[in-house]
Amino acid sequence: MAVAGATGGMSSGLVMATAGFPVLALAGGALALAVIPAVVLSARRR
């Protein structure tokens, strides 16, 4: 879990340094939308 957190922080820092905040915000939004179907499927199975 700690490695995942460190990797996420490092990658967001790299994206911020190279592309800027708008790209980081769009990527975060796309990732959040991609997680929604997984949550719905997981809730239906229970």
N, C-alpha and C. Protein backbone atom coordinates (compact mmCIF):
# COMPACT_ATOMS: atom_id res chain seq x y z
N MET A 1 0.82 -1.18 0.00
CA MET A 1 0.00 0.00 0.00
C MET A 1 0.87 1.26 0.00
N ALA A 2 1.94 1.22 0.76
CA ALA A 2 2.83 2.39 0.83
C ALA A 2 3.51 2.63 -0.52
N VAL A 3 3.85 1.55 -1.20
CA VAL A 3 4.50 1.69 -2.51
C VAL A 3 3.53 2.33 -3.51
N ALA A 4 2.27 1.93 -3.46
CA ALA A 4 1.27 2.51 -4.36
C ALA A 4 1.09 4.00 -4.09
N GLY A 5 1.07 4.39 -2.82
CA GLY A 5 0.95 5.80 -2.49
C GLY A 5 2.15 6.60 -2.93
N ALA A 6 3.33 6.05 -2.73
CA ALA A 6 4.56 6.74 -3.15
C ALA A 6 4.62 6.86 -4.66
N THR A 7 4.22 5.82 -5.36
CA THR A 7 4.23 5.85 -6.83
C THR A 7 3.22 6.87 -7.35
N GLY A 8 2.04 6.91 -6.75
CA GLY A 8 1.03 7.89 -7.16
C GLY A 8 1.48 9.31 -6.94
N GLY A 9 2.09 9.57 -5.80
CA GLY A 9 2.60 10.91 -5.52
C GLY A 9 3.70 11.32 -6.47
N MET A 10 4.59 10.38 -6.75
CA MET A 10 5.69 10.68 -7.65
C MET A 10 5.19 10.91 -9.08
N SER A 11 4.25 10.09 -9.53
CA SER A 11 3.75 10.26 -10.89
C SER A 11 2.94 11.55 -11.03
N SER A 12 2.18 11.92 -10.02
CA SER A 12 1.44 13.18 -10.12
C SER A 12 2.40 14.36 -10.12
N GLY A 13 3.48 14.26 -9.38
CA GLY A 13 4.49 15.32 -9.42
C GLY A 13 5.14 15.44 -10.78
N LEU A 14 5.42 14.31 -11.41
CA LEU A 14 6.02 14.34 -12.75
C LEU A 14 5.05 14.92 -13.77
N VAL A 15 3.78 14.53 -13.70
CA VAL A 15 2.79 15.07 -14.63
C VAL A 15 2.64 16.57 -14.42
N MET A 16 2.61 16.99 -13.16
CA MET A 16 2.47 18.41 -12.84
C MET A 16 3.66 19.21 -13.37
N ALA A 17 4.86 18.64 -13.25
CA ALA A 17 6.06 19.35 -13.69
C ALA A 17 6.13 19.44 -15.21
N THR A 18 5.66 18.41 -15.91
CA THR A 18 5.80 18.40 -17.36
C THR A 18 4.60 18.98 -18.10
N ALA A 19 3.40 18.62 -17.65
CA ALA A 19 2.22 19.00 -18.43
C ALA A 19 1.38 20.09 -17.77
N GLY A 20 1.41 20.16 -16.46
CA GLY A 20 0.65 21.19 -15.78
C GLY A 20 -0.61 20.67 -15.12
N PHE A 21 -1.24 21.55 -14.37
CA PHE A 21 -2.41 21.18 -13.58
C PHE A 21 -3.61 20.74 -14.41
N PRO A 22 -3.93 21.38 -15.54
CA PRO A 22 -5.12 20.94 -16.30
C PRO A 22 -5.04 19.48 -16.73
N VAL A 23 -3.88 19.03 -17.17
CA VAL A 23 -3.73 17.64 -17.59
C VAL A 23 -3.88 16.72 -16.39
N LEU A 24 -3.31 17.10 -15.26
CA LEU A 24 -3.43 16.30 -14.05
C LEU A 24 -4.89 16.21 -13.60
N ALA A 25 -5.61 17.31 -13.69
CA ALA A 25 -7.02 17.32 -13.30
C ALA A 25 -7.86 16.46 -14.24
N LEU A 26 -7.61 16.54 -15.53
CA LEU A 26 -8.36 15.73 -16.49
C LEU A 26 -8.06 14.24 -16.30
N ALA A 27 -6.81 13.90 -16.05
CA ALA A 27 -6.46 12.50 -15.82
C ALA A 27 -7.11 11.97 -14.55
N GLY A 28 -7.14 12.77 -13.51
CA GLY A 28 -7.80 12.36 -12.28
C GLY A 28 -9.29 12.18 -12.46
N GLY A 29 -9.92 13.07 -13.22
CA GLY A 29 -11.34 12.94 -13.50
C GLY A 29 -11.65 11.71 -14.32
N ALA A 30 -10.82 11.43 -15.32
CA ALA A 30 -11.03 10.24 -16.15
C ALA A 30 -10.86 8.97 -15.32
N LEU A 31 -9.88 8.97 -14.42
CA LEU A 31 -9.68 7.81 -13.56
C LEU A 31 -10.86 7.62 -12.62
N ALA A 32 -11.39 8.70 -12.09
CA ALA A 32 -12.55 8.61 -11.21
C ALA A 32 -13.76 8.05 -11.95
N LEU A 33 -13.96 8.48 -13.20
CA LEU A 33 -15.09 7.97 -13.99
C LEU A 33 -14.89 6.50 -14.36
N ALA A 34 -13.64 6.09 -14.53
CA ALA A 34 -13.37 4.69 -14.87
C ALA A 34 -13.62 3.77 -13.68
N VAL A 35 -13.54 4.28 -12.47
CA VAL A 35 -13.73 3.46 -11.28
C VAL A 35 -15.21 3.21 -11.00
N ILE A 36 -16.08 4.10 -11.44
CA ILE A 36 -17.51 3.99 -11.14
C ILE A 36 -18.11 2.65 -11.61
N PRO A 37 -17.88 2.20 -12.84
CA PRO A 37 -18.46 0.90 -13.24
C PRO A 37 -17.96 -0.26 -12.38
N ALA A 38 -16.72 -0.21 -11.96
CA ALA A 38 -16.19 -1.28 -11.10
C ALA A 38 -16.90 -1.30 -9.76
N VAL A 39 -17.20 -0.15 -9.22
CA VAL A 39 -17.92 -0.07 -7.94
C VAL A 39 -19.35 -0.58 -8.10
N VAL A 40 -19.99 -0.23 -9.20
CA VAL A 40 -21.36 -0.69 -9.44
C VAL A 40 -21.41 -2.20 -9.61
N LEU A 41 -20.47 -2.75 -10.38
CA LEU A 41 -20.44 -4.21 -10.57
C LEU A 41 -20.16 -4.93 -9.26
N SER A 42 -19.29 -4.38 -8.48
CA SER A 42 -18.96 -5.00 -7.20
C SER A 42 -20.17 -4.96 -6.25
N ALA A 43 -20.93 -3.89 -6.28
CA ALA A 43 -22.11 -3.79 -5.42
C ALA A 43 -23.22 -4.75 -5.86
N ARG A 44 -23.33 -4.99 -7.14
CA ARG A 44 -24.37 -5.90 -7.66
C ARG A 44 -24.09 -7.36 -7.29
N ARG A 45 -22.83 -7.72 -7.18
CA ARG A 45 -22.47 -9.09 -6.89
C ARG A 45 -22.81 -9.48 -5.45
N ARG A 46 -22.96 -8.53 -4.58
CA ARG A 46 -23.24 -8.84 -3.17
C ARG A 46 -24.67 -8.95 -2.91
